[in-house]
Amino acid sequence: MIIDFHTHIFPDKIAERTIASLFEEAKGIYIPVSDGTVSGLLKNMNEWNIDISIVQPIVTKQSQTKNINEWAAEISRDYTGKIISFGGIFPHTDDYKRDIDFVVSLGLKGLKFHAEYQDFIIDGEKMLKIYDYALSKNLIILHHAGFDPAYPEPFKSNPERFAHIIKKMRGGIIIAAHLGGHAQWDDVEKYLCGTDIYLDTSMGFEYFSKEQFLRIVKNHGSDKILFGSDAPWSNAKTEIEHLKTLSPSEISEAGLNAILSGNAKRILQI
């Protein structure tokens, strides 16, 4: 079984222009592998033998909160067993408890944050309160982590800030995408390995070395690594192939299966 924990899709009526806009913002570095629609994601899943995709929406305006979360709940219902969508809130909301309660009321399993697109520092005091309340409601939190081509350095998320968040929280599941910080993997090894944070593999194997990946898995634990692609911005087929080329001497069958689906099934309770 394969679960892709990090994907993005959009309602059909805005998918084409959203993909075009994001492609331009990212300076054309990442070539989309689908059209950003539900049907495009399902087509790739079928071709690449992916059983379930977790959709990660990003709320960039307070006015989007209701529509994005209701759409997330709708696609989760309409494609039960194939798509599970997280929800989102606007970090600068005037009432984060109200917005988190709304996400919970829809039956969504988590929140996606992107510090660059949403313009916040990940370990600011207000954000710590937001995480604490969300985690108290049994929501999973997934963060973009590290480099994003649409934004200049210094980035608003980094492994040291994630380590600070983990120390402040009282349990719950927090995930740092891109193996803890895209293009910051030396700092992932320094600050995050062995802590209580999950890492996803999204958009990774083209950038980090196999040796560094295996070192992080060994020192962090395969039980806290989730397969993710960041579709449509990365090719899940290629990412899966990279994982499956690892030999038993490099990663055990149990460890590989945990990364591909076992860990996701456990934390999603499916």
Protein backbone atom coordinates (compact mmCIF):
# COMPACT_ATOMS: atom_id res chain seq x y z
CA MET A 1 0.00 0.00 0.00
CA ILE A 2 1.17 3.54 -0.77
CA ILE A 3 -0.15 6.71 0.84
CA ASP A 4 1.01 10.06 -0.51
CA PHE A 5 0.78 12.39 2.48
CA HIS A 6 1.44 15.65 0.63
CA THR A 7 -0.57 16.62 -2.45
CA HIS A 8 -2.32 19.72 -3.77
CA ILE A 9 -5.43 20.03 -5.91
CA PHE A 10 -7.94 22.79 -6.60
CA PRO A 11 -11.60 23.09 -7.63
CA ASP A 12 -11.99 22.53 -11.36
CA LYS A 13 -13.11 26.10 -12.05
CA ILE A 14 -9.88 27.62 -10.70
CA ALA A 15 -7.34 24.81 -11.17
CA GLU A 16 -5.93 25.94 -14.52
CA ARG A 17 -5.28 29.54 -13.53
CA THR A 18 -4.05 28.55 -10.06
CA ILE A 19 -1.48 26.14 -11.48
CA ALA A 20 -0.37 28.77 -14.02
CA SER A 21 -0.02 31.41 -11.31
CA LEU A 22 1.92 29.15 -8.93
CA PHE A 23 4.17 27.99 -11.77
CA GLU A 24 5.01 31.61 -12.57
CA GLU A 25 5.57 32.51 -8.91
CA ALA A 26 7.98 29.58 -8.57
CA LYS A 27 9.92 30.92 -11.57
CA GLY A 28 9.14 27.78 -13.57
CA ILE A 29 11.48 25.65 -11.48
CA TYR A 30 8.87 22.96 -10.78
CA ILE A 31 7.00 21.53 -13.77
CA PRO A 32 3.51 20.32 -12.76
CA VAL A 33 2.78 16.64 -13.43
CA SER A 34 -1.00 17.10 -13.52
CA ASP A 35 -3.55 19.82 -14.14
CA GLY A 36 -4.21 20.29 -10.42
CA THR A 37 -7.74 18.85 -10.54
CA VAL A 38 -9.21 15.95 -8.59
CA SER A 39 -9.44 13.91 -11.80
CA GLY A 40 -5.81 14.68 -12.62
CA LEU A 41 -4.67 13.50 -9.20
CA LEU A 42 -6.78 10.33 -9.43
CA LYS A 43 -5.36 9.57 -12.88
CA ASN A 44 -1.80 9.79 -11.57
CA MET A 45 -2.69 7.73 -8.51
CA ASN A 46 -4.09 4.99 -10.73
CA GLU A 47 -1.05 4.99 -13.03
CA TRP A 48 1.45 5.02 -10.18
CA ASN A 49 -0.34 2.59 -7.82
CA ILE A 50 -0.93 5.14 -5.07
CA ASP A 51 -3.81 4.02 -2.87
CA ILE A 52 -4.61 7.20 -0.93
CA SER A 53 -3.62 10.85 -1.33
CA ILE A 54 -3.72 13.41 1.47
CA VAL A 55 -4.61 16.85 0.12
CA GLN A 56 -3.03 19.88 1.81
CA PRO A 57 -4.92 23.14 1.14
CA ILE A 58 -3.49 26.55 2.06
CA VAL A 59 -5.74 29.37 3.28
CA THR A 60 -4.13 32.69 2.31
CA LYS A 61 -7.06 34.99 3.17
CA GLN A 62 -9.56 34.94 6.01
CA SER A 63 -12.37 35.08 3.44
CA GLN A 64 -11.26 31.70 2.04
CA THR A 65 -11.67 29.81 5.31
CA LYS A 66 -15.25 28.63 4.84
CA ASN A 67 -15.09 27.71 1.14
CA ILE A 68 -11.73 25.93 1.24
CA ASN A 69 -12.63 23.83 4.26
CA GLU A 70 -16.07 22.94 2.95
CA TRP A 71 -14.51 21.87 -0.35
CA ALA A 72 -11.94 19.81 1.56
CA ALA A 73 -14.74 18.04 3.39
CA GLU A 74 -16.66 17.53 0.15
CA ILE A 75 -13.82 15.83 -1.73
CA SER A 76 -13.05 13.70 1.31
CA ARG A 77 -16.66 12.46 1.27
CA ASP A 78 -16.95 12.11 -2.50
CA TYR A 79 -13.72 10.13 -2.85
CA THR A 80 -13.76 8.15 0.38
CA GLY A 81 -10.97 5.61 0.40
CA LYS A 82 -8.94 7.55 -2.19
CA ILE A 83 -8.66 11.14 -0.98
CA ILE A 84 -8.39 12.54 2.52
CA SER A 85 -8.13 16.31 2.70
CA PHE A 86 -6.74 18.35 5.56
CA GLY A 87 -8.22 21.74 6.27
CA GLY A 88 -6.63 25.08 6.91
CA ILE A 89 -6.98 28.34 8.78
CA PHE A 90 -5.62 31.82 8.12
CA PRO A 91 -2.85 32.37 10.70
CA HIS A 92 -3.77 36.05 11.11
CA THR A 93 -7.39 35.24 11.95
CA ASP A 94 -9.16 37.27 14.61
CA ASP A 95 -10.48 34.06 16.22
CA TYR A 96 -8.37 30.96 15.74
CA LYS A 97 -10.47 28.86 18.10
CA ARG A 98 -13.61 29.56 16.06
CA ASP A 99 -11.84 28.63 12.83
CA ILE A 100 -10.26 25.47 14.25
CA ASP A 101 -13.59 24.40 15.69
CA PHE A 102 -15.10 24.81 12.21
CA VAL A 103 -12.43 22.53 10.73
CA VAL A 104 -13.14 19.96 13.45
CA SER A 105 -16.90 20.18 12.85
CA LEU A 106 -16.34 19.18 9.21
CA GLY A 107 -14.52 16.01 10.25
CA LEU A 108 -11.19 17.05 8.73
CA LYS A 109 -8.09 15.42 10.18
CA GLY A 110 -5.52 18.17 10.12
CA LEU A 111 -4.30 21.64 9.20
CA LYS A 112 -1.79 22.68 6.56
CA PHE A 113 0.39 25.75 7.08
CA HIS A 114 2.80 27.46 4.68
CA ALA A 115 4.71 30.22 6.42
CA GLU A 116 5.81 31.92 3.21
CA TYR A 117 2.45 32.07 1.47
CA GLN A 118 0.67 32.90 4.73
CA ASP A 119 3.37 35.31 5.97
CA PHE A 120 4.14 34.24 9.53
CA ILE A 121 7.06 33.05 11.62
CA ILE A 122 6.37 29.44 12.56
CA ASP A 123 7.32 29.67 16.25
CA GLY A 124 5.76 33.04 17.05
CA GLU A 125 3.73 33.23 20.26
CA LYS A 126 0.34 33.41 18.52
CA MET A 127 1.23 30.43 16.36
CA LEU A 128 2.21 28.38 19.41
CA LYS A 129 -1.27 29.06 20.84
CA ILE A 130 -2.85 28.02 17.54
CA TYR A 131 -0.90 24.76 17.45
CA ASP A 132 -1.67 24.00 21.08
CA TYR A 133 -5.41 24.43 20.53
CA ALA A 134 -5.40 22.48 17.25
CA LEU A 135 -3.46 19.60 18.79
CA SER A 136 -5.85 19.57 21.76
CA LYS A 137 -8.60 18.88 19.20
CA ASN A 138 -6.58 15.91 17.84
CA LEU A 139 -5.77 17.65 14.57
CA ILE A 140 -2.53 16.82 12.79
CA ILE A 141 -0.41 19.83 11.76
CA LEU A 142 1.64 19.79 8.55
CA HIS A 143 4.03 22.63 7.72
CA HIS A 144 5.87 23.57 4.58
CA ALA A 145 9.53 23.60 5.61
CA GLY A 146 12.50 25.45 4.18
CA PHE A 147 13.20 26.71 0.67
CA ASP A 148 10.43 27.92 -1.63
CA PRO A 149 11.46 29.36 -5.00
CA ALA A 150 8.73 32.01 -4.90
CA TYR A 151 10.24 33.69 -1.83
CA PRO A 152 13.65 35.08 -0.89
CA GLU A 153 15.74 34.04 2.08
CA PRO A 154 15.69 34.09 5.04
CA PHE A 155 12.76 31.69 5.12
CA LYS A 156 10.15 31.88 7.84
CA SER A 157 10.53 28.19 8.70
CA ASN A 158 13.68 26.27 9.50
CA PRO A 159 14.68 23.19 11.51
CA GLU A 160 15.77 25.22 14.55
CA ARG A 161 12.35 26.89 14.76
CA PHE A 162 10.63 23.51 14.41
CA ALA A 163 12.74 22.20 17.30
CA HIS A 164 11.52 25.15 19.38
CA ILE A 165 7.90 24.34 18.55
CA ILE A 166 8.31 20.69 19.51
CA LYS A 167 9.76 21.67 22.89
CA LYS A 168 6.79 23.95 23.56
CA MET A 169 4.02 21.52 22.60
CA ARG A 170 2.52 18.92 24.93
CA GLY A 171 2.19 16.02 22.54
CA GLY A 172 0.27 15.72 19.30
CA ILE A 173 1.45 15.19 15.75
CA ILE A 174 3.38 17.87 13.88
CA ILE A 175 4.89 17.18 10.45
CA ALA A 176 7.63 19.18 8.73
CA ALA A 177 7.48 18.67 4.98
CA HIS A 178 10.45 18.24 2.64
CA LEU A 179 12.29 16.05 5.16
CA GLY A 180 12.21 18.80 7.77
CA GLY A 181 13.45 21.71 5.68
CA HIS A 182 14.03 21.85 1.93
CA ALA A 183 17.74 22.56 1.26
CA GLN A 184 18.36 22.70 5.05
CA TRP A 185 19.03 19.02 5.69
CA ASP A 186 22.28 19.55 7.57
CA ASP A 187 20.25 21.56 10.10
CA VAL A 188 17.59 18.82 10.13
CA GLU A 189 20.30 16.45 11.29
CA LYS A 190 21.49 18.98 13.87
CA TYR A 191 18.14 20.08 15.33
CA LEU A 192 15.40 17.58 14.49
CA CYS A 193 16.74 14.03 14.35
CA GLY A 194 15.48 12.12 17.36
CA THR A 195 12.82 14.68 18.34
CA ASP A 196 9.05 14.12 18.36
CA ILE A 197 8.39 15.61 14.94
CA TYR A 198 7.35 13.72 11.81
CA LEU A 199 9.06 14.43 8.48
CA ASP A 200 7.63 13.85 5.03
CA THR A 201 9.78 13.04 2.00
CA SER A 202 8.07 15.42 -0.43
CA MET A 203 10.11 16.84 -3.27
CA GLY A 204 13.22 15.30 -1.84
CA PHE A 205 15.06 12.65 -3.77
CA GLU A 206 15.99 14.99 -6.60
CA TYR A 207 17.72 17.24 -4.07
CA PHE A 208 19.06 15.46 -0.99
CA SER A 209 21.56 12.63 -1.34
CA LYS A 210 20.64 9.02 -0.68
CA GLU A 211 23.32 8.93 1.99
CA GLN A 212 21.88 11.89 3.86
CA PHE A 213 18.35 10.52 3.60
CA LEU A 214 19.43 7.18 5.05
CA ARG A 215 21.34 8.93 7.82
CA ILE A 216 18.25 10.95 8.75
CA VAL A 217 16.05 7.84 8.69
CA LYS A 218 18.51 5.98 10.91
CA ASN A 219 18.92 8.79 13.44
CA HIS A 220 15.32 9.98 13.45
CA GLY A 221 13.54 6.64 13.06
CA SER A 222 11.60 5.23 10.13
CA ASP A 223 8.49 5.33 12.35
CA LYS A 224 8.45 9.15 12.01
CA ILE A 225 8.95 9.44 8.23
CA LEU A 226 5.99 9.77 5.82
CA PHE A 227 6.06 9.36 2.07
CA GLY A 228 4.91 12.52 0.31
CA SER A 229 5.36 13.96 -3.16
CA ASP A 230 4.06 17.58 -3.13
CA ALA A 231 2.08 16.71 -6.27
CA PRO A 232 1.57 18.22 -8.76
CA TRP A 233 4.97 19.86 -8.23
CA SER A 234 6.90 16.62 -7.94
CA ASN A 235 6.56 13.27 -9.64
CA ALA A 236 5.35 10.72 -7.09
CA LYS A 237 6.29 7.86 -9.41
CA THR A 238 9.93 8.92 -9.40
CA GLU A 239 9.90 9.49 -5.63
CA ILE A 240 8.49 6.00 -5.04
CA GLU A 241 11.06 4.46 -7.37
CA HIS A 242 13.87 6.11 -5.40
CA LEU A 243 12.56 4.59 -2.18
CA LYS A 244 12.09 1.16 -3.70
CA THR A 245 15.64 1.06 -5.05
CA LEU A 246 16.98 1.10 -1.49
CA SER A 247 18.39 -2.29 -0.60
CA PRO A 248 17.44 -4.31 2.52
CA SER A 249 20.89 -3.53 3.90
CA GLU A 250 20.07 0.19 3.62
CA ILE A 251 16.51 0.10 4.97
CA SER A 252 14.49 -2.85 6.24
CA GLU A 253 11.31 -3.99 4.53
CA ALA A 254 9.38 -3.03 7.67
CA GLY A 255 10.95 0.42 7.67
CA LEU A 256 10.16 0.96 4.00
CA ASN A 257 6.55 -0.14 4.44
CA ALA A 258 6.21 2.16 7.44
CA ILE A 259 7.35 5.12 5.34
CA LEU A 260 5.16 4.24 2.34
CA SER A 261 1.95 3.74 4.30
CA GLY A 262 2.20 2.28 7.79
CA ASN A 263 2.99 5.50 9.62
CA ALA A 264 0.29 7.40 7.74
CA LYS A 265 -2.31 4.74 8.55
CA ARG A 266 -1.38 4.91 12.22
CA ILE A 267 -1.54 8.67 12.66
CA LEU A 268 -4.65 9.03 10.48
CA GLN A 269 -6.27 6.09 12.29
CA ILE A 270 -7.35 4.39 9.09
